[in-house]
C-alpha atoms as a PDB file:
ATOM      1  CA  MET A   1       0.064  -0.036  -0.398  1.00  0.00           C
ATOM      2  CA  LYS A   2       1.228   3.517  -0.580  1.00  0.00           C
ATOM      3  CA  ALA A   3      -0.002   7.041   1.024  1.00  0.00           C
ATOM      4  CA  PRO A   4      -2.786   8.458  -0.244  1.00  0.00           C
ATOM      5  CA  ILE A   5      -2.605  10.575  -3.587  1.00  0.00           C
ATOM      6  CA  PRO A   6      -4.093  14.234  -3.127  1.00  0.00           C
ATOM      7  CA  SER A   7      -7.718  14.054  -4.678  1.00  0.00           C
ATOM      8  CA  ASN A   8      -7.591  16.888  -6.588  1.00  0.00           C
ATOM      9  CA  ALA A   9      -4.302  14.462  -8.644  1.00  0.00           C
ATOM     10  CA  ALA A  10      -5.810  11.468  -8.577  1.00  0.00           C
ATOM     11  CA  THR A  11      -9.150   9.075  -9.656  1.00  0.00           C
ATOM     12  CA  THR A  12     -10.093   7.653  -6.797  1.00  0.00           C
ATOM     13  CA  LYS A  13     -11.982   4.144  -6.829  1.00  0.00           C
ATOM     14  CA  ARG A  14     -13.850   2.136  -3.998  1.00  0.00           C
ATOM     15  CA  THR A  15     -14.257  -1.857  -5.144  1.00  0.00           C
ATOM     16  CA  THR A  16     -15.344  -4.393  -2.851  1.00  0.00           C
ATOM     17  CA  VAL A  17     -12.975  -7.165  -2.332  1.00  0.00           C
ATOM     18  CA  ALA A  18     -14.477  -9.866  -0.481  1.00  0.00           C
ATOM     19  CA  PRO A  19     -17.890  -9.786   1.891  1.00  0.00           C
ATOM     20  CA  GLY A  20     -17.100  -6.874   4.395  1.00  0.00           C
ATOM     21  CA  ILE A  21     -14.325  -5.395   3.194  1.00  0.00           C
ATOM     22  CA  SER A  22     -13.528  -3.170   0.503  1.00  0.00           C
ATOM     23  CA  MET A  23     -10.602  -1.595  -1.086  1.00  0.00           C
ATOM     24  CA  ILE A  24      -9.674   2.518  -2.035  1.00  0.00           C
ATOM     25  CA  ILE A  25      -7.565   2.673  -4.921  1.00  0.00           C
ATOM     26  CA  GLN A  26      -6.041   5.537  -6.477  1.00  0.00           C
ATOM     27  CA  ARG A  27      -4.813   6.365  -9.474  1.00  0.00           C
ATOM     28  CA  SER A  28      -2.584   9.719 -10.397  1.00  0.00           C
ATOM     29  CA  LYS A  29      -3.541  12.091 -13.130  1.00  0.00           C
ATOM     30  CA  GLY A  30      -1.574  13.311 -15.914  1.00  0.00           C
ATOM     31  CA  ASP A  31       1.875  11.369 -14.531  1.00  0.00           C
ATOM     32  CA  GLY A  32       1.506   8.904 -17.711  1.00  0.00           C
ATOM     33  CA  ASP A  33       1.120   5.803 -14.917  1.00  0.00           C
ATOM     34  CA  ASP A  34      -2.201   4.168 -15.719  1.00  0.00           C
ATOM     35  CA  ALA A  35      -1.475   1.798 -12.527  1.00  0.00           C
ATOM     36  CA  MET A  36      -3.828   1.837 -10.007  1.00  0.00           C
ATOM     37  CA  GLN A  37      -2.417   1.808  -6.550  1.00  0.00           C
ATOM     38  CA  THR A  38      -3.916   0.688  -3.499  1.00  0.00           C
ATOM     39  CA  GLN A  39      -4.500   3.294  -0.838  1.00  0.00           C
ATOM     40  CA  SER A  40      -6.565   1.586   1.827  1.00  0.00           C
ATOM     41  CA  TYR A  41      -8.749  -1.343   2.670  1.00  0.00           C
ATOM     42  CA  ARG A  42     -11.968  -0.944   4.567  1.00  0.00           C
ATOM     43  CA  PHE A  43     -13.375  -3.651   6.801  1.00  0.00           C
ATOM     44  CA  SER A  44     -17.328  -3.992   7.679  1.00  0.00           C
ATOM     45  CA  LYS A  45     -17.400  -3.230  11.709  1.00  0.00           C
ATOM     46  CA  ARG A  46     -20.277  -5.438  11.962  1.00  0.00           C
ATOM     47  CA  ARG A  47     -18.653  -8.710  10.196  1.00  0.00           C
ATOM     48  CA  PHE A  48     -14.917  -7.602  11.830  1.00  0.00           C
ATOM     49  CA  SER A  49     -13.214  -7.007  14.706  1.00  0.00           C
ATOM     50  CA  THR A  50     -10.268  -4.659  14.960  1.00  0.00           C
ATOM     51  CA  GLU A  51      -7.891  -8.415  15.447  1.00  0.00           C
ATOM     52  CA  GLN A  52      -9.664  -9.969  12.757  1.00  0.00           C
ATOM     53  CA  ALA A  53      -9.045  -7.285  10.213  1.00  0.00           C
ATOM     54  CA  LYS A  54      -5.635  -7.571  11.273  1.00  0.00           C
ATOM     55  CA  ALA A  55      -5.595 -10.807  10.322  1.00  0.00           C
ATOM     56  CA  TRP A  56      -7.443 -10.945   7.343  1.00  0.00           C
ATOM     57  CA  LEU A  57      -4.550  -8.143   6.385  1.00  0.00           C
ATOM     58  CA  THR A  58      -1.531 -10.647   7.762  1.00  0.00           C
ATOM     59  CA  SER A  59      -3.372 -13.668   6.009  1.00  0.00           C
ATOM     60  CA  HIS A  60      -3.183 -11.761   2.247  1.00  0.00           C
ATOM     61  CA  LYS A  61       0.304 -10.343   3.130  1.00  0.00           C
ATOM     62  CA  ILE A  62      -1.043  -6.642   3.414  1.00  0.00           C
ATOM     63  CA  LYS A  63       1.558  -4.700   5.600  1.00  0.00           C
ATOM     64  CA  PRO A  64      -0.160  -1.911   6.093  1.00  0.00           C
ATOM     65  CA  MET A  65       1.474   1.818   6.935  1.00  0.00           C
ATOM     66  CA  GLU A  66      -1.304   2.448   9.435  1.00  0.00           C
ATOM     67  CA  PHE A  67      -4.138   0.828  11.525  1.00  0.00           C
ATOM     68  CA  HIS A  68      -7.388   2.807  12.262  1.00  0.00           C
ATOM     69  CA  PRO A  69      -9.942   0.764  14.117  1.00  0.00           C
ATOM     70  CA  ALA A  70     -13.599   1.963  12.610  1.00  0.00           C
ATOM     71  CA  GLU A  71     -15.356   4.435  14.820  1.00  0.00           C
ATOM     72  CA  GLU A  72     -19.294   4.921  14.993  1.00  0.00           C
ATOM     73  CA  SER A  73     -20.080   8.264  13.102  1.00  0.00           C
ATOM     74  CA  GLU A  74     -21.101  11.508  15.470  1.00  0.00           C
ATOM     75  CA  GLU A  75     -24.662  10.938  13.857  1.00  0.00           C
ATOM     76  CA  LYS A  76     -25.193   7.656  14.965  1.00  0.00           C
ATOM     77  CA  LYS A  77     -23.957   8.496  18.476  1.00  0.00           C
ATOM     78  CA  GLU A  78     -26.326  11.497  18.421  1.00  0.00           C
ATOM     79  CA  LYS A  79     -29.314   8.836  17.596  1.00  0.00           C
ATOM     80  CA  GLU A  80     -28.309   6.555  20.480  1.00  0.00           C
ATOM     81  CA  ASP A  81     -28.133   9.182  23.189  1.00  0.00           C
ATOM     82  CA  ARG A  82     -31.206  10.502  21.781  1.00  0.00           C
ATOM     83  CA  GLY A  83     -32.747   6.910  22.089  1.00  0.00           C
ATOM     84  CA  THR A  84     -31.386   6.329  25.099  1.00  0.00           C
ATOM     85  CA  MET A  85     -32.829   9.878  27.158  1.00  0.00           C
ATOM     86  CA  ILE A  86     -36.027   8.759  25.219  1.00  0.00           C
ATOM     87  CA  ASP A  87     -36.310   5.558  26.974  1.00  0.00           C
ATOM     88  CA  ARG A  88     -35.072   6.762  30.351  1.00  0.00           C
ATOM     89  CA  ILE A  89     -37.932  10.037  29.764  1.00  0.00           C
ATOM     90  CA  THR A  90     -40.623   7.292  28.829  1.00  0.00           C
ATOM     91  CA  LYS A  91     -39.761   5.170  32.418  1.00  0.00           C
ATOM     92  CA  GLU A  92     -39.390   7.929  34.468  1.00  0.00           C
ATOM     93  CA  ILE A  93     -43.467   8.770  33.333  1.00  0.00           C
ATOM     94  CA  ALA A  94     -44.756   5.288  33.546  1.00  0.00           C
ATOM     95  CA  GLN A  95     -42.864   5.854  37.205  1.00  0.00           C
ATOM     96  CA  GLU A  96     -44.919   8.235  37.681  1.00  0.00           C
ATOM     97  CA  LEU A  97     -48.466   7.571  36.488  1.00  0.00           C
ATOM     98  CA  ILE A  98     -48.537   3.815  38.563  1.00  0.00           C
END
């Protein structure tokens, strides 16, 4: 894998490698080299733990420059927080009615 090319200087594509695994590939614009370069692999958080993702990379002889575990988006965290708050308020109201 190679360091990412700035987006204004590259064509970027995402392709599925296997269920739950995709690869981000890039081609430099204007340098005459038509070869695509792997920029990163993305693992589904639902299908792979951090350890499983690292094991998959190792078993395929891929040595990442860095490894970043998947994180939940801020939007998802906010929805979960709102859901928890609604559940709490609902329980409090139910207790008052009893």
